[in-house]
C-alpha atoms as a PDB file:
ATOM      1  CA  MET A   1     -20.644  16.819 -31.925  1.00  0.00           C
ATOM      2  CA  LYS A   2     -20.291  20.466 -31.977  1.00  0.00           C
ATOM      3  CA  THR A   3     -19.289  21.004 -28.269  1.00  0.00           C
ATOM      4  CA  PRO A   4     -15.382  18.640 -28.769  1.00  0.00           C
ATOM      5  CA  LYS A   5     -14.920  21.297 -31.633  1.00  0.00           C
ATOM      6  CA  LEU A   6     -15.919  24.617 -29.790  1.00  0.00           C
ATOM      7  CA  LEU A   7     -13.871  23.190 -27.026  1.00  0.00           C
ATOM      8  CA  SER A   8     -10.942  22.806 -29.157  1.00  0.00           C
ATOM      9  CA  LEU A   9     -11.409  25.676 -30.894  1.00  0.00           C
ATOM     10  CA  THR A  10     -11.974  27.476 -27.090  1.00  0.00           C
ATOM     11  CA  ALA A  11      -8.250  26.377 -26.549  1.00  0.00           C
ATOM     12  CA  GLY A  12      -6.916  26.885 -29.006  1.00  0.00           C
ATOM     13  CA  LEU A  13      -7.828  30.982 -28.643  1.00  0.00           C
ATOM     14  CA  LEU A  14      -6.589  30.558 -25.025  1.00  0.00           C
ATOM     15  CA  LEU A  15      -3.255  29.463 -25.681  1.00  0.00           C
ATOM     16  CA  VAL A  16      -3.106  31.740 -28.369  1.00  0.00           C
ATOM     17  CA  ILE A  17      -4.256  34.905 -25.894  1.00  0.00           C
ATOM     18  CA  VAL A  18      -1.958  33.542 -22.924  1.00  0.00           C
ATOM     19  CA  GLY A  19       0.748  33.497 -25.667  1.00  0.00           C
ATOM     20  CA  THR A  20       1.008  36.583 -27.017  1.00  0.00           C
ATOM     21  CA  ALA A  21       0.205  37.939 -23.311  1.00  0.00           C
ATOM     22  CA  VAL A  22       3.434  36.679 -22.395  1.00  0.00           C
ATOM     23  CA  ALA A  23       5.593  37.562 -25.904  1.00  0.00           C
ATOM     24  CA  GLY A  24       7.263  40.928 -23.754  1.00  0.00           C
ATOM     25  CA  THR A  25       8.249  38.662 -20.618  1.00  0.00           C
ATOM     26  CA  ARG A  26       9.328  35.177 -21.664  1.00  0.00           C
ATOM     27  CA  ASP A  27      12.848  35.109 -23.009  1.00  0.00           C
ATOM     28  CA  ILE A  28      13.082  32.402 -25.745  1.00  0.00           C
ATOM     29  CA  TYR A  29      15.510  33.280 -27.897  1.00  0.00           C
ATOM     30  CA  PRO A  30      19.335  34.147 -26.190  1.00  0.00           C
ATOM     31  CA  ASP A  31      21.059  36.818 -26.821  1.00  0.00           C
ATOM     32  CA  PRO A  32      21.945  37.986 -31.041  1.00  0.00           C
ATOM     33  CA  ALA A  33      25.652  37.058 -29.887  1.00  0.00           C
ATOM     34  CA  GLN A  34      25.620  33.647 -28.723  1.00  0.00           C
ATOM     35  CA  ALA A  35      23.695  32.144 -31.999  1.00  0.00           C
ATOM     36  CA  LYS A  36      27.010  30.935 -33.305  1.00  0.00           C
ATOM     37  CA  THR A  37      28.252  29.241 -29.583  1.00  0.00           C
ATOM     38  CA  ASP A  38      24.681  27.763 -29.265  1.00  0.00           C
ATOM     39  CA  LEU A  39      24.723  26.238 -33.127  1.00  0.00           C
ATOM     40  CA  ALA A  40      28.120  25.031 -32.744  1.00  0.00           C
ATOM     41  CA  ASN A  41      27.527  23.117 -29.546  1.00  0.00           C
ATOM     42  CA  ALA A  42      24.112  21.336 -30.913  1.00  0.00           C
ATOM     43  CA  LEU A  43      25.667  20.210 -33.644  1.00  0.00           C
ATOM     44  CA  LYS A  44      28.223  18.752 -31.076  1.00  0.00           C
ATOM     45  CA  GLN A  45      25.450  17.626 -28.515  1.00  0.00           C
ATOM     46  CA  ALA A  46      23.324  15.733 -32.028  1.00  0.00           C
ATOM     47  CA  ALA A  47      26.879  14.078 -33.196  1.00  0.00           C
ATOM     48  CA  ALA A  48      26.814  12.588 -29.333  1.00  0.00           C
ATOM     49  CA  THR A  49      23.573  11.709 -29.183  1.00  0.00           C
ATOM     50  CA  HIS A  50      22.224  10.654 -33.265  1.00  0.00           C
ATOM     51  CA  LYS A  51      19.667  13.168 -32.871  1.00  0.00           C
ATOM     52  CA  ARG A  52      19.054  15.949 -34.967  1.00  0.00           C
ATOM     53  CA  VAL A  53      19.684  19.690 -34.761  1.00  0.00           C
ATOM     54  CA  LEU A  54      16.429  21.553 -34.707  1.00  0.00           C
ATOM     55  CA  ILE A  55      16.922  25.137 -35.500  1.00  0.00           C
ATOM     56  CA  ASP A  56      14.642  28.128 -35.036  1.00  0.00           C
ATOM     57  CA  PHE A  57      15.007  31.715 -35.971  1.00  0.00           C
ATOM     58  CA  GLY A  58      13.240  34.201 -34.514  1.00  0.00           C
ATOM     59  CA  GLY A  59      12.402  37.016 -31.439  1.00  0.00           C
ATOM     60  CA  ASN A  60      11.611  37.287 -28.228  1.00  0.00           C
ATOM     61  CA  TRP A  61       9.364  39.904 -29.610  1.00  0.00           C
ATOM     62  CA  CYS A  62       7.874  37.546 -31.901  1.00  0.00           C
ATOM     63  CA  GLY A  63       4.135  36.556 -30.590  1.00  0.00           C
ATOM     64  CA  ASP A  64       4.235  33.591 -33.353  1.00  0.00           C
ATOM     65  CA  CYS A  65       8.003  32.268 -31.900  1.00  0.00           C
ATOM     66  CA  GLN A  66       6.411  32.101 -28.462  1.00  0.00           C
ATOM     67  CA  VAL A  67       3.101  30.151 -29.337  1.00  0.00           C
ATOM     68  CA  LEU A  68       5.617  27.859 -31.360  1.00  0.00           C
ATOM     69  CA  ASP A  69       7.969  27.542 -28.343  1.00  0.00           C
ATOM     70  CA  ILE A  70       4.322  26.587 -25.921  1.00  0.00           C
ATOM     71  CA  TYR A  71       3.838  24.395 -29.037  1.00  0.00           C
ATOM     72  CA  PHE A  72       7.243  22.462 -28.840  1.00  0.00           C
ATOM     73  CA  HIS A  73       7.215  21.905 -24.700  1.00  0.00           C
ATOM     74  CA  ASN A  74       3.386  20.616 -24.677  1.00  0.00           C
ATOM     75  CA  PRO A  75       2.918  17.326 -23.728  1.00  0.00           C
ATOM     76  CA  GLU A  76       2.255  15.580 -27.620  1.00  0.00           C
ATOM     77  CA  ASN A  77       5.270  17.554 -28.689  1.00  0.00           C
ATOM     78  CA  ARG A  78       7.423  17.212 -26.282  1.00  0.00           C
ATOM     79  CA  PRO A  79       8.744  13.870 -26.366  1.00  0.00           C
ATOM     80  CA  ILE A  80       9.011  14.033 -29.879  1.00  0.00           C
ATOM     81  CA  LEU A  81      11.318  16.846 -29.323  1.00  0.00           C
ATOM     82  CA  ASP A  82      13.400  15.566 -26.948  1.00  0.00           C
ATOM     83  CA  ALA A  83      13.988  12.379 -27.874  1.00  0.00           C
ATOM     84  CA  ASN A  84      14.810  13.118 -31.787  1.00  0.00           C
ATOM     85  CA  TYR A  85      15.948  17.165 -31.763  1.00  0.00           C
ATOM     86  CA  VAL A  86      18.486  19.443 -29.997  1.00  0.00           C
ATOM     87  CA  LEU A  87      16.470  22.710 -29.777  1.00  0.00           C
ATOM     88  CA  VAL A  88      19.210  25.575 -31.053  1.00  0.00           C
ATOM     89  CA  HIS A  89      16.787  28.993 -30.801  1.00  0.00           C
ATOM     90  CA  ILE A  90      18.700  31.681 -32.978  1.00  0.00           C
ATOM     91  CA  ASN A  91      18.395  35.448 -31.971  1.00  0.00           C
ATOM     92  CA  ILE A  92      17.357  37.453 -35.254  1.00  0.00           C
ATOM     93  CA  GLY A  93      16.982  40.546 -33.333  1.00  0.00           C
ATOM     94  CA  HIS A  94      14.966  42.969 -35.319  1.00  0.00           C
ATOM     95  CA  MET A  95      15.387  40.639 -38.689  1.00  0.00           C
ATOM     96  CA  ASP A  96      18.965  42.000 -38.488  1.00  0.00           C
ATOM     97  CA  GLU A  97      20.899  39.928 -36.451  1.00  0.00           C
ATOM     98  CA  ASN A  98      22.255  36.344 -37.044  1.00  0.00           C
ATOM     99  CA  VAL A  99      21.343  36.932 -40.679  1.00  0.00           C
ATOM    100  CA  ASP A 100      24.159  35.327 -42.212  1.00  0.00           C
ATOM    101  CA  ILE A 101      23.376  31.736 -40.232  1.00  0.00           C
ATOM    102  CA  ALA A 102      19.729  31.735 -41.725  1.00  0.00           C
ATOM    103  CA  GLU A 103      21.195  32.202 -45.474  1.00  0.00           C
ATOM    104  CA  ARG A 104      23.663  29.511 -44.901  1.00  0.00           C
ATOM    105  CA  TYR A 105      20.741  27.385 -44.202  1.00  0.00           C
ATOM    106  CA  GLY A 106      18.091  28.828 -46.912  1.00  0.00           C
ATOM    107  CA  VAL A 107      16.102  30.092 -44.750  1.00  0.00           C
ATOM    108  CA  PRO A 108      14.500  33.528 -46.023  1.00  0.00           C
ATOM    109  CA  LEU A 109      13.364  35.624 -42.812  1.00  0.00           C
ATOM    110  CA  ASN A 110      11.320  38.082 -45.195  1.00  0.00           C
ATOM    111  CA  LYS A 111       9.092  35.173 -45.526  1.00  0.00           C
ATOM    112  CA  GLY A 112       8.691  35.435 -41.362  1.00  0.00           C
ATOM    113  CA  VAL A 113       9.521  34.036 -38.287  1.00  0.00           C
ATOM    114  CA  PRO A 114       9.560  31.676 -36.407  1.00  0.00           C
ATOM    115  CA  ALA A 115      11.491  29.648 -39.898  1.00  0.00           C
ATOM    116  CA  LEU A 116      12.829  26.598 -39.012  1.00  0.00           C
ATOM    117  CA  ALA A 117      15.705  24.542 -40.364  1.00  0.00           C
ATOM    118  CA  VAL A 118      16.517  20.932 -39.409  1.00  0.00           C
ATOM    119  CA  LEU A 119      20.319  19.361 -39.941  1.00  0.00           C
ATOM    120  CA  SER A 120      21.622  16.095 -39.318  1.00  0.00           C
ATOM    121  CA  ASP A 121      23.372  14.641 -36.490  1.00  0.00           C
ATOM    122  CA  LYS A 122      26.133  15.556 -39.304  1.00  0.00           C
ATOM    123  CA  GLY A 123      25.097  18.615 -39.914  1.00  0.00           C
ATOM    124  CA  LYS A 124      24.264  18.325 -42.712  1.00  0.00           C
ATOM    125  CA  LEU A 125      21.026  20.933 -44.348  1.00  0.00           C
ATOM    126  CA  LEU A 126      17.683  18.350 -44.497  1.00  0.00           C
ATOM    127  CA  TYR A 127      14.780  21.145 -44.157  1.00  0.00           C
ATOM    128  CA  SER A 128      14.845  25.136 -44.279  1.00  0.00           C
ATOM    129  CA  GLN A 129      11.839  26.546 -44.563  1.00  0.00           C
ATOM    130  CA  LYS A 130      10.819  28.839 -47.516  1.00  0.00           C
ATOM    131  CA  SER A 131       7.839  30.207 -47.658  1.00  0.00           C
ATOM    132  CA  GLY A 132       6.855  31.162 -44.327  1.00  0.00           C
ATOM    133  CA  GLU A 133       5.132  27.993 -43.220  1.00  0.00           C
ATOM    134  CA  PHE A 134       4.676  28.739 -39.423  1.00  0.00           C
ATOM    135  CA  GLU A 135       4.675  32.515 -39.494  1.00  0.00           C
ATOM    136  CA  ALA A 136       1.429  32.357 -38.352  1.00  0.00           C
ATOM    137  CA  MET A 137       2.064  29.579 -35.903  1.00  0.00           C
ATOM    138  CA  ARG A 138      -1.094  31.841 -33.612  1.00  0.00           C
ATOM    139  CA  ARG A 139      -3.754  30.613 -36.256  1.00  0.00           C
ATOM    140  CA  MET A 140      -2.327  26.982 -35.925  1.00  0.00           C
ATOM    141  CA  GLN A 141      -2.915  24.283 -33.780  1.00  0.00           C
ATOM    142  CA  ALA A 142      -0.050  22.422 -31.602  1.00  0.00           C
ATOM    143  CA  ASN A 143      -0.853  19.057 -34.198  1.00  0.00           C
ATOM    144  CA  SER A 144       0.782  20.816 -36.603  1.00  0.00           C
ATOM    145  CA  VAL A 145       4.407  21.154 -34.598  1.00  0.00           C
ATOM    146  CA  THR A 146       3.302  17.151 -34.133  1.00  0.00           C
ATOM    147  CA  SER A 147       3.481  16.160 -37.800  1.00  0.00           C
ATOM    148  CA  PHE A 148       6.476  18.278 -38.858  1.00  0.00           C
ATOM    149  CA  LEU A 149       8.548  16.521 -35.568  1.00  0.00           C
ATOM    150  CA  VAL A 150       7.719  13.315 -36.576  1.00  0.00           C
ATOM    151  CA  GLN A 151       8.235  14.071 -39.900  1.00  0.00           C
ATOM    152  CA  TRP A 152      11.843  15.112 -39.973  1.00  0.00           C
ATOM    153  CA  LYS A 153      12.856  13.128 -36.624  1.00  0.00           C
ATOM    154  CA  PRO A 154      15.855  10.864 -38.033  1.00  0.00           C
ATOM    155  CA  THR A 155      14.670   7.312 -38.600  1.00  0.00           C
ATOM    156  CA  ARG A 156      16.163   3.702 -37.281  1.00  0.00           C
ATOM    157  CA  PRO A 157      16.162   0.382 -37.822  1.00  0.00           C
ATOM    158  CA  GLY A 158      13.258  -1.430 -36.787  1.00  0.00           C
ATOM    159  CA  CYS A 159      11.545   1.910 -35.883  1.00  0.00           C
ATOM    160  CA  SER A 160       7.521   2.514 -37.364  1.00  0.00           C
ATOM    161  CA  VAL A 161       6.189   5.549 -38.064  1.00  0.00           C
ATOM    162  CA  THR A 162       3.835   5.650 -35.458  1.00  0.00           C
ATOM    163  CA  MET A 163       6.548   4.889 -32.767  1.00  0.00           C
ATOM    164  CA  VAL A 164       7.126   8.464 -30.846  1.00  0.00           C
ATOM    165  CA  THR A 165      10.500   7.854 -29.320  1.00  0.00           C
ATOM    166  CA  CYS A 166      12.130   4.598 -30.703  1.00  0.00           C
END
């Protein structure tokens, strides 16, 4: 029984090491000047597709942000993300860019990044991270992201909680 737990722990540590190692080479967050345009486009796309907007505040220098993006795109989370959300990455520079957007959505960047907010397809704020919940992503499991995505995905008539892409 200890072997599956050890394998899971080893795989998690490997993911963190790889995520941290590539932190300087993966450009997840676009130029900070693009934020307002990217957010406006995400809101238009969400309205047209009846998806929610998932705003990810962070920076390419942030190892935890890199790990979160890896978890977003793993085989368990990618289908949930793609079916229910329009993901927009907001580059906060070194905590000195796009602070106004974070403030508009009630995200205190001083609690750490990555920081998330969820908007309805009409742009209404549904959730904003208040306490740095994902700030230590490198110590978290991918299923914490799964739980978050499932919790905040839009509900559709005839869907059950266990259905991923309804």
